[in-house]
Protein backbone atom coordinates (compact mmCIF):
# COMPACT_ATOMS: atom_id res chain seq x y z
CA MET A 1 105.79 119.78 123.89
CA THR A 2 102.67 120.97 125.73
CA ALA A 3 100.09 122.49 123.42
CA THR A 4 99.25 126.15 123.88
CA LEU A 5 95.90 126.84 125.54
CA ARG A 6 93.74 129.22 123.53
CA LEU A 7 91.72 131.03 126.20
CA LEU A 8 89.13 133.76 125.82
CA HIS A 9 89.08 136.39 128.56
CA LEU A 10 85.81 138.29 128.97
CA VAL A 11 86.89 141.69 130.28
CA ASN A 12 85.82 145.34 130.07
CA SER A 13 88.50 145.90 127.46
CA HIS A 14 87.21 149.24 126.13
CA SER A 15 86.72 150.72 129.58
CA THR A 16 88.24 153.96 130.85
CA ASN A 17 88.06 152.64 134.42
CA VAL A 18 91.67 151.57 134.86
CA GLY A 19 90.81 149.06 137.61
CA ASN A 20 89.55 146.78 134.87
CA GLY A 21 93.08 146.69 133.52
CA ALA A 22 94.44 145.67 136.91
CA LEU A 23 91.92 142.82 137.05
CA ALA A 24 92.72 141.51 133.59
CA ASP A 25 96.48 141.85 133.83
CA GLY A 26 96.60 140.32 137.30
CA ALA A 27 94.47 137.34 136.33
CA GLU A 28 96.42 136.63 133.15
CA ARG A 29 99.70 136.91 135.03
CA VAL A 30 98.89 134.38 137.75
CA LEU A 31 97.11 131.96 135.43
CA GLY A 32 100.03 132.15 133.03
CA GLU A 33 102.36 131.27 135.90
CA ASP A 34 100.25 128.41 137.25
CA LEU A 35 98.78 126.59 134.26
CA ALA A 36 100.93 123.72 133.02
CA ALA A 37 100.84 125.00 129.44
CA PRO A 38 101.54 128.27 127.64
CA VAL A 39 98.46 130.45 127.16
CA SER A 40 97.37 132.48 124.15
CA TRP A 41 94.92 135.09 125.43
CA SER A 42 92.12 136.64 123.38
CA ARG A 43 90.29 139.39 125.21
CA VAL A 44 86.57 139.65 124.50
CA PRO A 45 85.06 143.13 125.15
CA TRP A 46 82.47 142.50 127.85
CA ASP A 47 81.47 146.17 127.87
CA ASP A 48 80.33 145.88 124.24
CA TYR A 49 77.78 143.30 125.39
CA THR A 50 76.77 145.38 128.41
CA PHE A 51 75.98 148.39 126.22
CA GLY A 52 74.16 146.44 123.53
CA LEU A 53 76.78 146.73 120.80
CA LYS A 54 76.98 142.93 120.70
CA LYS A 55 74.64 140.19 121.89
CA PHE A 56 75.08 137.14 124.07
CA ASP A 57 73.92 134.79 121.32
CA ARG A 58 74.81 131.59 119.52
CA ASP A 59 77.82 133.28 117.88
CA PHE A 60 79.14 134.11 121.35
CA VAL A 61 78.74 130.47 122.42
CA GLY A 62 80.37 129.36 119.17
CA ALA A 63 83.45 131.45 119.95
CA ILE A 64 83.75 129.72 123.34
CA ASN A 65 83.44 126.31 121.71
CA ARG A 66 86.17 127.12 119.17
CA SER A 67 88.56 128.00 122.01
CA ASP A 68 89.90 125.90 124.86
CA GLY A 69 87.70 127.76 127.34
CA MET A 70 86.64 131.16 128.65
CA ILE A 71 87.70 133.06 131.75
CA VAL A 72 85.00 135.50 132.86
CA GLY A 73 86.98 138.36 134.40
CA GLY A 74 86.60 139.42 138.02
CA ALA A 75 84.59 142.59 137.44
CA VAL A 76 81.38 143.72 139.08
CA THR A 77 78.96 141.24 137.53
CA ILE A 78 75.97 141.07 139.87
CA ASN A 79 74.23 144.44 140.11
CA GLY A 80 70.52 143.70 139.65
CA ARG A 81 69.90 145.95 136.66
CA ALA A 82 66.51 145.78 134.94
CA TYR A 83 67.96 145.13 131.46
CA LEU A 84 69.73 141.93 132.56
CA GLU A 85 66.67 139.87 131.72
CA HIS A 86 68.24 136.56 130.65
CA ALA A 87 70.65 135.51 133.42
CA GLY A 88 70.15 138.30 135.95
CA MET A 89 73.80 139.36 135.75
CA ARG A 90 76.17 141.00 133.29
CA PHE A 91 77.03 137.58 131.84
CA ASP A 92 73.52 137.75 130.41
CA LEU A 93 73.44 134.62 128.26
CA PRO A 94 69.89 133.37 127.55
CA PRO A 95 69.03 130.12 129.38
CA ALA A 96 68.49 128.18 126.15
CA LEU A 97 72.12 128.73 125.14
CA TRP A 98 73.89 127.67 128.35
CA PRO A 99 73.58 123.93 127.52
CA GLU A 100 75.27 124.58 124.17
CA ILE A 101 78.55 125.60 125.85
CA ARG A 102 80.93 122.66 125.37
CA LYS A 103 84.20 124.12 126.66
CA PRO A 104 85.16 125.13 130.21
CA LEU A 105 83.67 128.33 131.57
CA ILE A 106 85.40 129.82 134.63
CA PHE A 107 84.03 132.82 136.54
CA TYR A 108 87.23 134.24 138.00
CA GLY A 109 86.42 136.30 141.10
CA ILE A 110 83.22 138.07 140.06
CA SER A 111 81.73 140.60 142.47
CA TYR A 112 78.53 142.46 143.28
CA ARG A 113 77.51 146.10 143.57
CA HIS A 114 74.09 146.55 145.09
CA TRP A 115 72.86 148.83 147.86
CA ALA A 116 70.35 148.23 150.63
CA GLY A 117 66.88 149.29 149.60
CA GLN A 118 67.51 148.92 145.87
CA ARG A 119 65.39 146.48 143.91
CA PHE A 120 67.27 143.52 142.49
CA HIS A 121 65.71 142.77 139.11
CA HIS A 122 65.50 139.21 137.73
CA ALA A 123 66.75 137.46 140.86
CA ASP A 124 64.97 134.31 139.63
CA LYS A 125 67.05 134.34 136.43
CA LEU A 126 70.25 134.75 138.44
CA ARG A 127 69.32 131.79 140.64
CA TRP A 128 68.72 129.70 137.52
CA ALA A 129 72.09 130.67 136.02
CA PHE A 130 73.97 129.88 139.24
CA ASP A 131 72.15 126.56 139.63
CA HIS A 132 73.02 125.63 136.06
CA ALA A 133 76.70 126.58 136.37
CA LEU A 134 77.10 124.93 139.77
CA GLY A 135 75.51 121.75 138.46
CA ARG A 136 78.06 121.32 135.68
CA GLN A 137 81.50 119.79 136.01
CA ASP A 138 82.90 121.92 133.17
CA MET A 139 82.13 125.22 134.90
CA LEU A 140 83.78 126.86 137.92
CA LEU A 141 82.26 129.75 139.83
CA ALA A 142 84.63 131.84 141.95
CA LEU A 143 83.60 135.02 143.75
CA ARG A 144 85.81 137.90 144.85
CA ASN A 145 86.86 137.94 148.52
CA ASP A 146 84.77 141.03 149.33
CA GLY A 147 81.74 139.42 150.93
CA THR A 148 80.03 138.54 147.65
CA ARG A 149 79.30 134.97 148.79
CA GLU A 150 77.76 136.16 152.07
CA TRP A 151 75.77 138.84 150.27
CA LEU A 152 74.42 136.34 147.72
CA GLU A 153 73.24 134.02 150.46
CA GLY A 154 71.75 136.75 152.65
CA ALA A 155 70.13 138.87 149.94
CA LEU A 156 69.15 136.29 147.32
CA GLY A 157 69.33 132.90 149.05
CA ILE A 158 72.06 131.62 146.71
CA ALA A 159 74.43 129.28 148.53
CA SER A 160 76.55 126.26 147.59
CA ASP A 161 79.71 124.45 148.67
CA ARG A 162 80.81 124.74 145.02
CA LEU A 163 80.96 128.54 145.24
CA HIS A 164 84.66 129.32 145.56
CA VAL A 165 86.07 132.55 146.99
CA ILE A 166 89.36 133.86 145.62
CA PRO A 167 91.44 136.99 146.26
CA ASP A 168 91.05 139.96 143.97
CA PRO A 169 93.52 139.20 141.13
CA ALA A 170 94.19 142.94 140.68
CA VAL A 171 96.67 142.53 143.56
CA PHE A 172 99.00 141.01 140.97
CA VAL A 173 98.94 143.73 138.34
CA GLU A 174 102.45 144.50 137.13
CA ALA A 175 103.67 148.10 137.26
CA ASP A 176 105.73 149.53 134.43
CA ASP A 177 107.92 151.81 136.52
CA ALA A 178 110.15 152.81 133.63
CA ALA A 179 107.28 153.88 131.38
CA ALA A 180 105.65 155.81 134.21
CA ALA A 181 108.91 157.55 135.06
CA ALA A 182 109.61 158.48 131.45
CA ASP A 183 106.52 160.61 130.91
CA ASP A 184 105.05 161.23 134.36
CA LEU A 185 104.59 164.92 135.06
CA ALA A 186 102.57 164.26 138.24
CA LEU A 187 105.19 162.86 140.62
CA ASP A 188 107.86 165.18 142.01
CA PRO A 189 111.15 163.33 142.60
CA GLY A 190 112.26 165.97 145.08
CA ARG A 191 109.33 165.56 147.49
CA PRO A 192 107.29 162.85 149.18
CA ASN A 193 104.50 161.90 146.77
CA ILE A 194 101.06 161.00 148.12
CA VAL A 195 98.49 159.54 145.73
CA LEU A 196 94.85 160.20 146.65
CA ALA A 197 92.30 158.01 144.85
CA LEU A 198 88.83 159.37 145.59
CA ASN A 199 85.61 157.52 144.75
CA ASP A 200 82.42 159.27 143.68
CA GLU A 201 80.66 156.32 142.02
CA ASP A 202 77.16 155.67 143.42
CA SER A 203 77.56 158.92 145.32
CA ALA A 204 74.04 159.15 146.78
CA GLU A 205 74.12 155.55 148.03
CA ARG A 206 77.70 155.73 149.23
CA TYR A 207 77.54 159.01 151.19
CA GLY A 208 73.83 159.41 151.89
CA THR A 209 73.51 163.15 151.41
CA PRO A 210 75.55 165.85 149.63
CA GLU A 211 76.31 167.36 153.04
CA ARG A 212 77.74 164.07 154.32
CA ARG A 213 79.86 163.73 151.21
CA MET A 214 81.30 167.22 151.75
CA GLU A 215 82.03 166.34 155.39
CA VAL A 216 84.15 163.44 154.12
CA LEU A 217 86.06 165.73 151.77
CA ARG A 218 86.61 168.33 154.47
CA GLY A 219 87.91 165.62 156.79
CA ILE A 220 90.41 164.41 154.19
CA ALA A 221 91.53 167.99 153.53
CA GLN A 222 91.96 168.71 157.25
CA ALA A 223 94.12 165.61 157.62
CA LEU A 224 96.29 166.31 154.59
CA GLU A 225 96.88 170.07 154.83
CA PRO A 226 99.26 169.98 157.83
CA VAL A 227 101.16 167.06 156.25
CA LEU A 228 101.60 168.97 153.00
CA ASP A 229 102.71 172.03 154.96
CA ALA A 230 105.17 170.26 157.25
CA ARG A 231 106.69 167.84 154.74
CA GLY A 232 106.37 169.83 151.53
CA ALA A 233 104.67 166.78 150.04
CA ASN A 234 103.21 166.57 146.56
CA LEU A 235 99.58 165.40 146.45
CA VAL A 236 98.65 163.50 143.29
CA LEU A 237 94.90 163.29 142.71
CA ALA A 238 94.40 160.12 140.67
CA PRO A 239 90.92 159.62 139.17
CA HIS A 240 90.01 156.07 138.20
CA TYR A 241 86.79 157.03 136.43
CA PHE A 242 84.91 160.14 135.28
CA ASP A 243 82.91 160.45 138.52
CA ASP A 244 86.11 161.08 140.42
CA HIS A 245 86.78 164.33 138.56
CA ARG A 246 83.66 165.81 140.17
CA MET A 247 84.89 164.79 143.60
CA ILE A 248 88.38 166.14 142.91
CA ALA A 249 86.93 169.56 142.12
CA ASP A 250 84.91 169.54 145.36
CA PHE A 251 87.92 168.35 147.35
CA ILE A 252 90.09 171.20 146.02
CA ALA A 253 87.38 173.65 147.08
CA CYS A 254 87.88 172.38 150.65
CA CYS A 255 91.62 173.16 150.59
CA ARG A 256 93.58 176.37 150.97
CA PRO A 257 94.21 177.92 147.55
CA GLN A 258 97.95 178.04 148.17
CA LEU A 259 98.12 174.26 148.63
CA ALA A 260 95.92 173.59 145.61
CA HIS A 261 98.18 175.75 143.45
CA GLN A 262 101.55 174.63 144.81
CA ARG A 263 101.22 171.20 146.37
CA MET A 264 98.65 169.35 144.22
CA ILE A 265 98.31 167.97 140.73
CA SER A 266 95.70 165.79 139.05
CA THR A 267 96.37 163.02 136.57
CA GLY A 268 94.13 162.12 133.68
CA LEU A 269 92.19 158.90 133.22
CA ALA A 270 93.91 155.83 131.84
CA ARG A 271 92.45 153.26 129.51
CA MET A 272 92.56 149.62 130.43
CA ALA A 273 95.52 149.03 128.10
CA ASP A 274 97.55 151.58 130.09
CA ALA A 275 97.10 149.87 133.46
CA LYS A 276 100.77 148.94 133.87
CA ARG A 277 101.86 152.52 133.22
CA PHE A 278 99.13 153.91 135.51
CA TYR A 279 100.08 151.65 138.40
CA GLY A 280 103.73 152.44 137.76
CA ARG A 281 102.86 155.82 139.27
CA TYR A 282 101.49 154.06 142.36
CA ALA A 283 104.67 152.01 142.63
CA ARG A 284 106.82 155.16 142.71
CA ALA A 285 104.74 156.99 145.34
CA GLN A 286 105.54 157.08 149.05
CA LEU A 287 101.89 156.66 150.08
CA VAL A 288 98.49 155.88 148.58
CA ILE A 289 95.24 156.97 150.24
CA ALA A 290 92.64 154.71 148.67
CA MET A 291 88.86 154.88 148.48
CA ARG A 292 88.65 152.29 145.67
CA VAL A 293 89.34 148.56 145.89
CA HIS A 294 91.50 148.87 142.78
CA ALA A 295 93.60 151.47 144.49
CA MET A 296 93.84 149.26 147.59
CA SER A 297 94.64 145.86 146.10
CA PRO A 298 97.34 146.96 143.60
CA SER A 299 99.06 148.93 146.39
CA ILE A 300 99.15 145.77 148.52
CA GLY A 301 100.60 143.78 145.64
CA LEU A 302 103.19 146.43 144.78
CA GLY A 303 104.20 146.89 148.41
CA VAL A 304 103.32 150.59 148.49
CA PRO A 305 102.25 152.00 151.88
CA MET A 306 98.50 152.48 151.65
CA ILE A 307 95.70 153.79 153.87
CA PRO A 308 92.22 152.48 152.99
CA LEU A 309 89.24 154.82 153.45
CA VAL A 310 86.15 152.62 153.55
CA THR A 311 82.70 153.73 152.37
CA GLN A 312 81.07 150.38 151.57
CA ASP A 313 80.82 147.02 153.33
CA ARG A 314 82.51 145.11 150.53
CA LEU A 315 85.66 147.23 150.88
CA GLY A 316 85.85 146.46 154.59
CA ARG A 317 85.14 142.79 153.97
CA PHE A 318 87.98 142.59 151.46
CA LEU A 319 90.41 144.07 154.00
CA ASP A 320 89.14 141.78 156.78
CA ASP A 321 89.52 138.74 154.53
CA VAL A 322 93.20 139.43 153.87
CA GLY A 323 94.02 140.34 157.47
CA LEU A 324 94.30 144.11 157.03
CA GLY A 325 90.99 145.15 158.56
CA ASP A 326 92.74 147.07 161.34
CA LEU A 327 94.09 149.52 158.73
CA ALA A 328 90.63 150.50 157.53
CA ILE A 329 89.40 154.00 158.35
CA ASP A 330 85.67 154.66 158.17
CA ALA A 331 85.40 157.64 155.84
CA LEU A 332 81.97 158.47 157.25
CA ALA A 333 83.10 158.57 160.88
CA PRO A 334 83.04 161.95 162.69
CA ASP A 335 86.70 161.57 163.73
CA LEU A 336 87.92 161.02 160.16
CA ALA A 337 90.34 163.97 160.09
CA GLY A 338 92.15 162.99 163.28
CA ARG A 339 92.40 159.27 162.52
CA LEU A 340 93.53 159.87 158.95
CA ARG A 341 96.26 162.34 159.94
CA VAL A 342 97.69 159.92 162.50
CA ALA A 343 97.67 157.13 159.89
CA ILE A 344 99.35 159.35 157.28
CA GLU A 345 102.14 160.39 159.66
CA ALA A 346 102.71 156.78 160.75
CA ALA A 347 102.83 155.52 157.16
CA LEU A 348 105.33 158.18 156.11
CA ASP A 349 107.49 157.74 159.23
CA ARG A 350 107.46 153.92 159.30
CA PRO A 351 106.78 152.72 155.74
CA ASP A 352 108.67 149.46 156.17
CA GLU A 353 106.07 148.22 158.67
CA LEU A 354 103.36 148.42 156.02
CA ARG A 355 105.61 147.02 153.32
CA ARG A 356 106.35 143.96 155.47
CA ARG A 357 102.66 143.42 156.21
CA PHE A 358 101.74 143.78 152.56
CA ARG A 359 104.43 141.27 151.54
CA VAL A 360 102.99 138.67 153.90
CA THR A 361 99.46 139.47 152.73
CA ARG A 362 100.44 139.24 149.09
CA ASP A 363 102.10 135.85 149.63
CA GLY A 364 98.96 134.53 151.31
CA MET A 365 96.73 135.76 148.52
CA ARG A 366 99.04 134.26 145.92
CA ALA A 367 98.88 130.87 147.62
CA ARG A 368 95.08 131.00 147.65
CA LEU A 369 94.94 131.88 143.96
CA GLY A 370 97.42 129.13 143.21
CA ALA A 371 95.15 126.56 144.88
CA PHE A 372 92.20 127.67 142.77
CA ASN A 373 94.32 127.84 139.62
CA ARG A 374 95.13 124.16 140.07
CA LYS A 375 91.40 123.45 139.78
CA VAL A 376 91.29 125.61 136.65
CA GLY A 377 94.24 123.71 135.21
CA GLU A 378 92.68 120.33 135.96
CA LEU A 379 89.49 121.39 134.23
CA LEU A 380 91.23 122.83 131.16
CA HIS A 381 93.56 119.83 130.89
CA GLY A 382 90.67 117.40 131.14
CA GLN A 383 88.77 119.20 128.39
CA THR A 384 91.62 119.86 125.99
CA ARG A 385 93.98 116.88 125.96
């Protein structure tokens, strides 16, 4: 009988940004399917280390060495913050401790969040950490398919043939439809349900000025209002993080009061542990309008018609990478309202076209993850047998 693999999974397990749950659940699902041994997962709260409640120290390394290996979850990891003084990234292990790691360490689709004109602190430490990891046979470094590899090379001069690129594992989050249906007061079974996932994180960098941000919201409102009128649709405003509540309030101010009162509802936030229930709501909707990657990728995986509104290069790069770049709508474009309304009508009238495309896209992404998971399996098997 094959021995169970005891794997640590470094994830933002205390986070109220539900996209972290999609990442963790999706990764554990596909690795569990592909590794040639059962897996016992132990989630390690990465956010505790980020906020100084715990330290990347010898005890942390000891926990890795007592396991069969660690998967570093596919969250935003490279953001250039000043406090990341040891490794220049959120996996901020001091250089002296990296050589003490004796079990496999796999970075599973990490990503970046950095804006033009911002200072990237401790780039030299990040280069050291990447050089060290890439130089070891017991470490794998995979980046998310959102342009992170190209950004690293262009912005920081970090490049290597050993840098893998894998699809966002959040595509493979499972939706608990039954749990969502049992207690969901947001979706109306008698009407078309449209989920709108706004994104107000990094607002100044993302939109430029408050006026530009309000233009985006007015454009979305102008596109949606006639659809809500003509189809009697129910608009579900689905915040993924606290910032989104602010944008929801400003969006409602752009809409006719009658529609806000009678055709709209807002959900609450969901903790990471509730990801399956949260995305069960997505799975039961007729359409998702997505400004977040973790509204886009789960919709693709679940086969839910989705329109991506793009406000950052890495969102567009993700869509281009998986062959869906033609669906992207530039949220900052002056013709937003017109383009978005046409896309909404088409998605509601011909949903099977999008479902078929998403099925093909999902299969391609699954094959790519499977190829990388074979490398993970070879590494874990070689270290643990």
